[in-house]
Protein backbone atom coordinates (compact mmCIF):
# COMPACT_ATOMS: atom_id res chain seq x y z
CA UNK A 1 1.38 0.56 -15.27
CA UNK A 2 4.23 -1.04 -16.68
CA UNK A 3 3.98 -4.68 -18.00
CA UNK A 4 5.73 -7.31 -16.01
CA UNK A 5 6.75 -10.53 -17.02
CA UNK A 6 8.22 -13.74 -15.20
CA UNK A 7 11.18 -15.69 -16.31
CA UNK A 8 13.82 -18.39 -14.78
CA UNK A 9 17.18 -17.18 -13.91
CA UNK A 10 18.49 -19.16 -16.72
CA UNK A 11 16.73 -16.97 -19.33
CA UNK A 12 18.82 -13.72 -18.05
CA UNK A 13 22.38 -13.93 -19.59
CA UNK A 14 25.10 -11.39 -20.85
CA UNK A 15 22.74 -8.46 -20.11
CA UNK A 16 19.81 -9.60 -21.64
CA UNK A 17 16.71 -11.65 -21.04
CA UNK A 18 15.14 -14.41 -23.39
CA UNK A 19 11.42 -14.55 -23.29
CA UNK A 20 10.11 -17.86 -24.89
CA UNK A 21 6.93 -19.72 -24.56
CA UNK A 22 3.19 -18.19 -24.52
CA UNK A 23 4.48 -14.74 -23.44
CA UNK A 24 5.85 -14.25 -26.88
CA UNK A 25 2.55 -14.22 -28.57
CA UNK A 26 1.34 -12.00 -25.49
CA UNK A 27 3.80 -9.37 -26.21
CA UNK A 28 3.55 -9.31 -29.73
CA UNK A 29 -0.16 -9.69 -30.48
CA UNK A 30 -2.23 -9.06 -27.41
CA UNK A 31 0.00 -6.12 -26.07
CA UNK A 32 1.25 -5.12 -29.74
CA UNK A 33 4.40 -3.79 -28.07
CA UNK A 34 7.44 -2.60 -30.51
CA UNK A 35 10.93 -2.70 -30.55
CA UNK A 36 12.26 0.08 -28.11
CA UNK A 37 9.46 -0.14 -25.66
CA UNK A 38 10.02 -0.76 -21.96
CA UNK A 39 8.91 -3.54 -19.61
CA UNK A 40 9.79 -5.33 -16.18
CA UNK A 41 11.10 -8.82 -15.85
CA UNK A 42 11.35 -10.81 -12.58
CA UNK A 43 13.44 -13.64 -12.44
CA UNK A 44 11.82 -15.40 -9.51
CA UNK A 45 15.10 -15.41 -7.47
CA UNK A 46 14.52 -11.99 -6.32
CA UNK A 47 15.63 -9.74 -9.15
CA UNK A 48 13.89 -7.28 -11.04
CA UNK A 49 14.71 -5.94 -14.56
CA UNK A 50 13.84 -2.64 -16.29
CA UNK A 51 14.36 -3.94 -19.98
CA UNK A 52 13.64 -2.36 -23.65
CA UNK A 53 12.61 -4.89 -26.36
CA UNK A 54 15.57 -5.28 -28.55
CA UNK A 55 14.18 -7.96 -31.19
CA UNK A 56 11.69 -10.76 -31.50
CA UNK A 57 10.82 -13.56 -33.99
CA UNK A 58 8.34 -16.38 -33.76
CA UNK A 59 9.54 -17.97 -30.94
CA UNK A 60 11.55 -15.49 -28.77
CA UNK A 61 11.54 -12.05 -27.58
CA UNK A 62 15.15 -10.45 -26.50
CA UNK A 63 15.14 -7.79 -24.35
CA UNK A 64 18.27 -5.48 -23.09
CA UNK A 65 18.58 -5.02 -19.59
CA UNK A 66 18.84 -1.41 -18.68
CA UNK A 67 18.51 -1.27 -14.88
CA UNK A 68 18.33 -4.05 -12.18
CA UNK A 69 17.18 -4.10 -8.50
CA UNK A 70 16.44 -6.58 -5.54
CA UNK A 71 12.62 -7.42 -5.25
CA UNK A 72 11.19 -6.18 -1.95
CA UNK A 73 7.55 -7.08 -2.33
CA UNK A 74 7.54 -10.37 -0.82
CA UNK A 75 6.96 -11.45 2.97
CA UNK A 76 9.78 -12.36 5.05
CA UNK A 77 8.17 -15.70 6.02
CA UNK A 78 6.76 -18.26 3.31
CA UNK A 79 2.95 -18.80 3.85
CA UNK A 80 1.59 -21.95 2.58
CA UNK A 81 -2.19 -22.03 2.38
CA UNK A 82 -3.90 -25.29 2.59
CA UNK A 83 -7.53 -24.94 1.16
CA UNK A 84 -10.09 -27.39 1.48
CA UNK A 85 -12.11 -27.45 -1.71
CA UNK A 86 -15.03 -25.14 -1.66
CA UNK A 87 -18.07 -24.95 -4.35
CA UNK A 88 -18.20 -23.12 -7.42
CA UNK A 89 -15.62 -20.84 -8.45
CA UNK A 90 -14.84 -19.70 -5.14
CA UNK A 91 -11.41 -21.23 -5.34
CA UNK A 92 -10.21 -18.94 -8.15
CA UNK A 93 -11.37 -15.88 -5.89
CA UNK A 94 -9.16 -17.43 -3.11
CA UNK A 95 -6.22 -17.73 -5.44
CA UNK A 96 -6.40 -14.22 -6.56
CA UNK A 97 -6.71 -12.61 -3.39
CA UNK A 98 -4.16 -15.24 -1.60
CA UNK A 99 -1.64 -14.18 -4.28
CA UNK A 100 -2.30 -10.40 -3.71
CA UNK A 101 -1.86 -10.72 0.10
CA UNK A 102 1.52 -12.56 -0.17
CA UNK A 103 0.76 -16.18 -0.13
CA UNK A 104 3.94 -18.36 -1.21
CA UNK A 105 1.88 -21.69 -2.26
CA UNK A 106 -1.14 -22.86 -2.16
CA UNK A 107 -2.39 -26.61 -1.83
CA UNK A 108 -6.06 -27.33 -2.56
CA UNK A 109 -7.34 -30.03 -0.27
CA UNK A 110 -9.93 -32.82 -0.60
CA UNK A 111 -11.76 -33.12 2.78
CA UNK A 112 -14.89 -35.03 4.37
CA UNK A 113 -17.12 -32.12 3.90
CA UNK A 114 -15.83 -30.86 0.67
CA UNK A 115 -18.76 -30.94 -1.92
CA UNK A 116 -16.54 -31.04 -4.99
CA UNK A 117 -15.25 -34.02 -6.33
CA UNK A 118 -12.47 -34.15 -9.15
CA UNK A 119 -11.36 -36.83 -11.37
CA UNK A 120 -7.65 -36.74 -12.71
CA UNK A 121 -8.50 -35.29 -15.91
CA UNK A 122 -10.62 -32.32 -13.96
CA UNK A 123 -7.94 -31.89 -11.39
CA UNK A 124 -5.03 -31.33 -13.86
CA UNK A 125 -7.19 -28.86 -15.92
CA UNK A 126 -8.29 -27.17 -12.75
CA UNK A 127 -4.70 -26.97 -11.62
CA UNK A 128 -3.39 -25.30 -14.89
CA UNK A 129 -6.26 -22.65 -14.80
CA UNK A 130 -5.56 -22.06 -10.92
CA UNK A 131 -1.87 -21.50 -12.04
CA UNK A 132 -2.64 -19.12 -14.66
CA UNK A 133 -4.91 -17.25 -12.13
CA UNK A 134 -1.87 -17.01 -9.82
CA UNK A 135 0.20 -15.91 -12.42
CA UNK A 136 -2.13 -13.05 -13.40
CA UNK A 137 -2.67 -11.84 -9.84
CA UNK A 138 1.31 -11.99 -9.32
CA UNK A 139 1.50 -9.42 -12.11
CA UNK A 140 -1.34 -7.14 -11.10
CA UNK A 141 -0.08 -7.00 -7.52
CA UNK A 142 3.69 -6.57 -8.20
CA UNK A 143 4.92 -9.51 -6.66
CA UNK A 144 8.52 -10.91 -7.40
CA UNK A 145 7.61 -14.50 -8.33
CA UNK A 146 4.57 -16.67 -9.36
CA UNK A 147 2.93 -18.52 -5.95
CA UNK A 148 2.52 -22.06 -7.16
CA UNK A 149 -0.85 -23.80 -7.08
CA UNK A 150 -0.27 -27.55 -6.37
CA UNK A 151 -2.91 -30.18 -7.56
CA UNK A 152 -5.54 -31.26 -5.08
CA UNK A 153 -4.31 -33.57 -2.22
CA UNK A 154 -6.10 -35.56 0.27
CA UNK A 155 -5.83 -33.78 3.73
CA UNK A 156 -3.63 -36.27 5.09
CA UNK A 157 -1.24 -36.17 2.33
CA UNK A 158 -1.46 -32.53 2.72
CA UNK A 159 -0.41 -32.68 6.47
CA UNK A 160 2.47 -34.83 5.59
CA UNK A 161 3.56 -32.61 2.82
CA UNK A 162 3.31 -29.91 5.31
CA UNK A 163 5.36 -31.30 8.38
CA UNK A 164 8.50 -29.95 6.87
CA UNK A 165 7.25 -26.45 7.62
CA UNK A 166 8.18 -24.53 11.05
CA UNK A 167 4.49 -23.36 12.09
CA UNK A 168 1.03 -24.92 11.35
CA UNK A 169 -2.46 -23.11 12.27
CA UNK A 170 -5.76 -24.44 11.89
CA UNK A 171 -8.44 -21.91 12.49
CA UNK A 172 -11.55 -24.02 14.06
CA UNK A 173 -14.75 -22.51 15.07
CA UNK A 174 -14.65 -24.62 18.51
CA UNK A 175 -11.41 -23.01 19.37
CA UNK A 176 -12.46 -20.34 21.92
CA UNK A 177 -9.35 -18.65 23.68
CA UNK A 178 -8.78 -15.36 21.87
CA UNK A 179 -5.82 -14.40 23.79
CA UNK A 180 -4.01 -17.60 23.25
CA UNK A 181 -4.62 -17.32 19.82
CA UNK A 182 -3.32 -14.13 19.79
CA UNK A 183 -0.12 -15.12 21.66
CA UNK A 184 0.45 -17.80 19.21
CA UNK A 185 0.51 -15.23 16.25
CA UNK A 186 2.43 -12.70 18.26
CA UNK A 187 5.50 -15.28 19.16
CA UNK A 188 5.83 -16.18 15.45
CA UNK A 189 9.18 -15.44 14.58
CA UNK A 190 9.56 -13.89 11.11
CA UNK A 191 11.45 -15.77 8.51
CA UNK A 192 9.81 -19.04 9.68
CA UNK A 193 7.60 -21.12 7.20
CA UNK A 194 3.98 -21.00 8.01
CA UNK A 195 1.03 -23.48 7.00
CA UNK A 196 -2.53 -22.43 7.48
CA UNK A 197 -5.30 -24.94 7.00
CA UNK A 198 -8.79 -23.49 5.97
CA UNK A 199 -11.83 -26.02 5.92
CA UNK A 200 -14.36 -26.05 3.01
CA UNK A 201 -18.09 -25.17 3.48
CA UNK A 202 -18.92 -26.80 6.50
CA UNK A 203 -15.85 -26.86 8.08
CA UNK A 204 -13.61 -29.56 9.40
CA UNK A 205 -14.74 -32.55 10.84
CA UNK A 206 -13.59 -33.09 14.52
CA UNK A 207 -11.50 -36.04 13.49
CA UNK A 208 -9.62 -33.98 10.81
CA UNK A 209 -9.07 -31.24 13.35
CA UNK A 210 -7.28 -33.89 15.64
CA UNK A 211 -5.40 -35.34 13.00
CA UNK A 212 -3.96 -31.81 12.04
CA UNK A 213 -3.15 -31.56 15.83
CA UNK A 214 -1.24 -34.84 15.74
CA UNK A 215 0.81 -33.41 13.04
CA UNK A 216 1.82 -30.46 15.05
CA UNK A 217 -0.88 -27.87 14.28
CA UNK A 218 -2.04 -25.24 16.54
CA UNK A 219 -5.75 -24.59 17.00
CA UNK A 220 -6.62 -20.79 16.93
CA UNK A 221 -10.06 -18.82 16.61
CA UNK A 222 -10.65 -15.81 14.22
CA UNK A 223 -13.51 -14.58 16.75
CA UNK A 224 -16.99 -15.38 17.70
CA UNK A 225 -18.54 -15.47 14.24
CA UNK A 226 -18.64 -18.08 11.78
CA UNK A 227 -16.71 -17.07 8.64
CA UNK A 228 -17.39 -18.55 5.35
CA UNK A 229 -14.37 -20.41 3.96
CA UNK A 230 -13.10 -17.79 1.42
CA UNK A 231 -13.45 -15.05 4.41
CA UNK A 232 -11.63 -17.11 6.86
CA UNK A 233 -8.77 -17.51 4.20
CA UNK A 234 -8.50 -13.63 3.61
CA UNK A 235 -8.90 -12.99 7.19
CA UNK A 236 -5.81 -15.33 8.22
CA UNK A 237 -3.65 -14.38 5.57
CA UNK A 238 -4.19 -10.61 6.19
CA UNK A 239 -3.50 -11.11 9.85
CA UNK A 240 -0.04 -12.63 9.00
CA UNK A 241 0.64 -10.28 6.42
CA UNK A 242 0.31 -7.36 9.06
CA UNK A 243 2.48 -9.45 11.32
CA UNK A 244 5.03 -10.55 8.82
CA UNK A 245 5.47 -7.38 6.67
């Protein structure tokens, strides 16, 4: 598989791509790529470039653009995953798989039943690591952009952040009407932004669900079985990917 890198649109000019930062060392020292070798570049605005390495120094790799085309790997709707903080390294797994399934942005949440407690320094380090995992997953899965993982938010702050989205969904084990849940998903229009709220181990408190509903979230069910937090996130994203692809 051809190596893929992400840049900002400002790094593309006059038929060339200028790669800087950590990717310079990755190209030279890790991949040991040579002048004349090909790679792909995404500019995170919908364009992909087939390039060859023209030159490099300690701070920059200069690529010559050979071919350009429009990225078609993104879903037509932007999906925001609001994920209650799980235990251990489950968040890393959730981020990796969510990116593969087409999520646009991931927002980790503090909720009442979340066991994990992060102080400011730990939260910053976690956010850096989580964004690195997102980037790796985006490269592996052929995404045209790197989904951002935001720093951890309290649930009320996350709901305020989600208020600008078109549709909010909250899978909840006490929601029982599968027919209504199917109807809600089927009626969603392609192109609208969607926020999905997933609880941590132990799920949401009833007060948290009521708060989400007060912000406009629709309760849905994912079936009669109780799903783990990481399973619920993947099931919800897979359903939406199928509907929005």
